[in-house]
Structures are given as C-alpha cells and as structure tokens.
Amino acid sequence: MDPPVLEGRLLAGRYRVRELLGAGGMGAVYTAVQEDLHRKVALKVLLGSSDLDDIDLTRFRAEALAAAELGHPNIVQVTDF
C-alpha cells in the first residue's frame, strides 16, 4: 500500500506535515512541525487506517509505549500518539 500524500496538511489540529521520510508494512513516517510549539517532529501515520482492527491498534500502542520508555540522543522521543 502506498503512503498517503499528506504534505502540507494539518493533522490532529497541530501537526503540519512536511515530507515523507519512509514507509513500511504498518505505517509511513513524515517530518512535520508541531505548530503550537514550533517544534520539528517525526510523525508516524498508520497505513490503511480504515482497515485496522483491534490487534493492529494494540500493536501500535505497544510500540509507542515501548519507544516512550527509551531515552537516547539517537532515538526519537515519543510525545504523543
């Protein structure tokens, strides 16, 4: 599945999408700006979100929670999901 074209769109009322970084089996990652804080972020968007089931959402949540536990300069900090 091809990632959606989101460049220039405002997601969740605060993330302005800049460009696609890459895509995998479950999602696509974009650079974005968190507009209220003027902060550059990486934004992961689930592919085929209308076809997701509870297992997919549980897996995505577990991924976000696991990543939020990590702290290192070379690892993206999870701030929202």
N, C-alpha and C. Protein backbone atom coordinates (compact mmCIF):
# COMPACT_ATOMS: atom_id res chain seq x y z
N MET A 1 0.85 -1.18 0.00
CA MET A 1 0.00 0.00 0.00
C MET A 1 0.89 1.24 0.00
N ASP A 2 0.61 2.16 -0.90
CA ASP A 2 1.36 3.40 -0.98
C ASP A 2 0.96 4.33 0.16
N PRO A 3 1.94 5.07 0.71
CA PRO A 3 1.60 6.01 1.78
C PRO A 3 0.76 7.16 1.23
N PRO A 4 -0.11 7.72 2.05
CA PRO A 4 -0.94 8.83 1.58
C PRO A 4 -0.10 10.08 1.37
N VAL A 5 -0.54 10.92 0.44
CA VAL A 5 0.11 12.20 0.21
C VAL A 5 -0.45 13.18 1.25
N LEU A 6 0.36 13.52 2.22
CA LEU A 6 -0.10 14.36 3.33
C LEU A 6 0.65 15.69 3.42
N GLU A 7 1.66 15.89 2.57
CA GLU A 7 2.46 17.09 2.64
C GLU A 7 1.58 18.34 2.61
N GLY A 8 1.83 19.23 3.58
CA GLY A 8 1.08 20.48 3.66
C GLY A 8 -0.19 20.40 4.51
N ARG A 9 -0.65 19.19 4.82
CA ARG A 9 -1.89 19.04 5.62
C ARG A 9 -1.61 19.22 7.10
N LEU A 10 -2.63 19.67 7.81
CA LEU A 10 -2.58 19.80 9.25
C LEU A 10 -3.30 18.60 9.85
N LEU A 11 -2.59 17.79 10.65
CA LEU A 11 -3.17 16.61 11.26
C LEU A 11 -3.36 16.84 12.75
N ALA A 12 -4.45 16.33 13.27
CA ALA A 12 -4.79 16.43 14.70
C ALA A 12 -4.80 17.88 15.17
N GLY A 13 -5.02 18.79 14.26
CA GLY A 13 -5.13 20.20 14.62
C GLY A 13 -3.84 20.86 15.03
N ARG A 14 -2.69 20.13 14.93
CA ARG A 14 -1.45 20.76 15.37
C ARG A 14 -0.18 20.32 14.66
N TYR A 15 -0.23 19.27 13.86
CA TYR A 15 0.97 18.79 13.18
C TYR A 15 0.89 19.10 11.68
N ARG A 16 1.75 20.00 11.20
CA ARG A 16 1.80 20.36 9.78
C ARG A 16 2.82 19.44 9.10
N VAL A 17 2.35 18.60 8.19
CA VAL A 17 3.19 17.60 7.52
C VAL A 17 4.08 18.29 6.49
N ARG A 18 5.36 17.92 6.53
CA ARG A 18 6.34 18.49 5.59
C ARG A 18 6.67 17.50 4.46
N GLU A 19 7.30 16.35 4.79
CA GLU A 19 7.67 15.41 3.73
C GLU A 19 7.73 13.98 4.24
N LEU A 20 7.57 13.05 3.32
CA LEU A 20 7.64 11.63 3.63
C LEU A 20 9.09 11.22 3.84
N LEU A 21 9.36 10.54 4.95
CA LEU A 21 10.70 10.01 5.21
C LEU A 21 10.82 8.56 4.75
N GLY A 22 9.76 7.78 4.97
CA GLY A 22 9.80 6.38 4.58
C GLY A 22 8.52 5.68 4.98
N ALA A 23 8.33 4.47 4.46
CA ALA A 23 7.12 3.71 4.76
C ALA A 23 7.48 2.24 4.93
N GLY A 24 6.70 1.56 5.76
CA GLY A 24 6.90 0.14 5.99
C GLY A 24 5.58 -0.58 5.89
N GLY A 25 5.52 -1.77 6.47
CA GLY A 25 4.33 -2.59 6.38
C GLY A 25 3.12 -2.03 7.11
N MET A 26 3.35 -1.29 8.19
CA MET A 26 2.24 -0.82 9.01
C MET A 26 1.98 0.68 8.89
N GLY A 27 3.02 1.46 8.55
CA GLY A 27 2.82 2.89 8.55
C GLY A 27 3.85 3.63 7.72
N ALA A 28 3.67 4.94 7.68
CA ALA A 28 4.58 5.84 6.99
C ALA A 28 5.03 6.90 7.99
N VAL A 29 6.28 7.35 7.84
CA VAL A 29 6.82 8.37 8.73
C VAL A 29 7.12 9.62 7.92
N TYR A 30 6.66 10.74 8.45
CA TYR A 30 6.82 12.05 7.80
C TYR A 30 7.56 13.00 8.75
N THR A 31 8.24 13.99 8.19
CA THR A 31 8.67 15.11 9.01
C THR A 31 7.47 16.04 9.11
N ALA A 32 7.35 16.69 10.25
CA ALA A 32 6.23 17.60 10.46
C ALA A 32 6.67 18.67 11.46
N VAL A 33 5.84 19.68 11.62
CA VAL A 33 6.07 20.71 12.62
C VAL A 33 4.88 20.73 13.56
N GLN A 34 5.15 20.64 14.85
CA GLN A 34 4.11 20.80 15.85
C GLN A 34 3.89 22.30 15.96
N GLU A 35 2.82 22.78 15.35
CA GLU A 35 2.66 24.21 15.15
C GLU A 35 2.57 25.02 16.43
N ASP A 36 1.92 24.51 17.45
CA ASP A 36 1.77 25.30 18.67
C ASP A 36 3.09 25.51 19.40
N LEU A 37 4.05 24.60 19.22
CA LEU A 37 5.35 24.72 19.89
C LEU A 37 6.49 25.03 18.92
N HIS A 38 6.18 25.13 17.61
CA HIS A 38 7.20 25.40 16.58
C HIS A 38 8.34 24.39 16.67
N ARG A 39 7.96 23.11 16.87
CA ARG A 39 8.95 22.05 17.06
C ARG A 39 8.88 21.06 15.91
N LYS A 40 10.07 20.72 15.37
CA LYS A 40 10.15 19.72 14.31
C LYS A 40 9.96 18.34 14.93
N VAL A 41 9.10 17.52 14.32
CA VAL A 41 8.80 16.19 14.83
C VAL A 41 8.79 15.18 13.69
N ALA A 42 8.88 13.91 14.07
CA ALA A 42 8.61 12.81 13.14
C ALA A 42 7.20 12.34 13.46
N LEU A 43 6.43 12.10 12.43
CA LEU A 43 5.02 11.75 12.59
C LEU A 43 4.77 10.42 11.88
N LYS A 44 4.34 9.40 12.64
CA LYS A 44 4.03 8.10 12.05
C LYS A 44 2.52 8.01 11.84
N VAL A 45 2.14 7.65 10.63
CA VAL A 45 0.74 7.53 10.25
C VAL A 45 0.50 6.08 9.87
N LEU A 46 -0.52 5.46 10.44
CA LEU A 46 -0.85 4.09 10.11
C LEU A 46 -1.44 4.01 8.71
N LEU A 47 -0.96 3.05 7.93
CA LEU A 47 -1.49 2.85 6.57
C LEU A 47 -2.78 2.05 6.63
N GLY A 48 -3.70 2.35 5.74
CA GLY A 48 -4.97 1.62 5.69
C GLY A 48 -5.76 1.74 6.97
N SER A 49 -5.78 2.93 7.56
CA SER A 49 -6.38 3.10 8.88
C SER A 49 -7.85 2.68 8.93
N SER A 50 -8.53 2.69 7.80
CA SER A 50 -9.93 2.25 7.82
C SER A 50 -10.05 0.73 7.93
N ASP A 51 -8.96 0.02 7.64
CA ASP A 51 -8.96 -1.45 7.69
C ASP A 51 -8.32 -2.01 8.96
N LEU A 52 -7.92 -1.14 9.89
CA LEU A 52 -7.24 -1.61 11.09
C LEU A 52 -8.20 -2.29 12.05
N ASP A 53 -7.69 -3.32 12.70
CA ASP A 53 -8.51 -3.98 13.71
C ASP A 53 -7.90 -3.72 15.10
N ASP A 54 -8.51 -4.27 16.12
CA ASP A 54 -8.05 -4.04 17.49
C ASP A 54 -6.62 -4.53 17.71
N ILE A 55 -6.24 -5.60 17.02
CA ILE A 55 -4.87 -6.12 17.16
C ILE A 55 -3.86 -5.12 16.61
N ASP A 56 -4.15 -4.53 15.45
CA ASP A 56 -3.26 -3.53 14.87
C ASP A 56 -3.11 -2.33 15.79
N LEU A 57 -4.22 -1.85 16.33
CA LEU A 57 -4.18 -0.69 17.21
C LEU A 57 -3.45 -1.00 18.52
N THR A 58 -3.65 -2.20 19.03
CA THR A 58 -2.94 -2.62 20.25
C THR A 58 -1.44 -2.69 19.99
N ARG A 59 -1.06 -3.21 18.84
CA ARG A 59 0.35 -3.30 18.47
C ARG A 59 0.98 -1.91 18.32
N PHE A 60 0.25 -0.99 17.69
CA PHE A 60 0.74 0.38 17.52
C PHE A 60 0.91 1.06 18.88
N ARG A 61 -0.07 0.88 19.75
CA ARG A 61 0.01 1.47 21.09
C ARG A 61 1.20 0.88 21.86
N ALA A 62 1.40 -0.43 21.78
CA ALA A 62 2.54 -1.07 22.46
C ALA A 62 3.86 -0.54 21.92
N GLU A 63 3.94 -0.31 20.62
CA GLU A 63 5.15 0.25 20.01
C GLU A 63 5.42 1.65 20.56
N ALA A 64 4.38 2.48 20.63
CA ALA A 64 4.53 3.84 21.16
C ALA A 64 4.95 3.83 22.62
N LEU A 65 4.34 2.96 23.42
CA LEU A 65 4.68 2.88 24.83
C LEU A 65 6.11 2.38 25.04
N ALA A 66 6.54 1.40 24.25
CA ALA A 66 7.90 0.89 24.35
C ALA A 66 8.91 1.97 23.96
N ALA A 67 8.64 2.68 22.89
CA ALA A 67 9.55 3.75 22.45
C ALA A 67 9.60 4.88 23.46
N ALA A 68 8.49 5.16 24.12
CA ALA A 68 8.44 6.24 25.11
C ALA A 68 9.32 5.92 26.32
N GLU A 69 9.58 4.65 26.56
CA GLU A 69 10.42 4.24 27.68
C GLU A 69 11.90 4.49 27.43
N LEU A 70 12.27 4.66 26.16
CA LEU A 70 13.67 4.81 25.79
C LEU A 70 14.10 6.27 25.87
N GLY A 71 15.35 6.47 26.15
CA GLY A 71 15.90 7.81 26.16
C GLY A 71 17.33 7.80 25.67
N HIS A 72 17.56 8.34 24.49
CA HIS A 72 18.90 8.38 23.90
C HIS A 72 18.89 9.44 22.82
N PRO A 73 20.01 10.16 22.63
CA PRO A 73 20.04 11.22 21.60
C PRO A 73 19.77 10.72 20.18
N ASN A 74 19.98 9.42 19.93
CA ASN A 74 19.77 8.89 18.58
C ASN A 74 18.43 8.20 18.41
N ILE A 75 17.54 8.33 19.39
CA ILE A 75 16.22 7.73 19.32
C ILE A 75 15.17 8.84 19.41
N VAL A 76 14.21 8.78 18.52
CA VAL A 76 13.14 9.79 18.53
C VAL A 76 12.35 9.67 19.83
N GLN A 77 12.08 10.81 20.45
CA GLN A 77 11.29 10.84 21.67
C GLN A 77 9.80 10.83 21.31
N VAL A 78 9.05 9.92 21.92
CA VAL A 78 7.60 9.87 21.70
C VAL A 78 6.95 10.90 22.59
N THR A 79 6.16 11.79 21.98
CA THR A 79 5.50 12.84 22.75
C THR A 79 3.98 12.77 22.67
N ASP A 80 3.47 11.97 21.74
CA ASP A 80 2.01 11.89 21.54
C ASP A 80 1.72 10.66 20.68
N PHE A 81 0.54 10.08 20.86
CA PHE A 81 0.09 9.03 19.94
C PHE A 81 -1.40 8.90 20.04
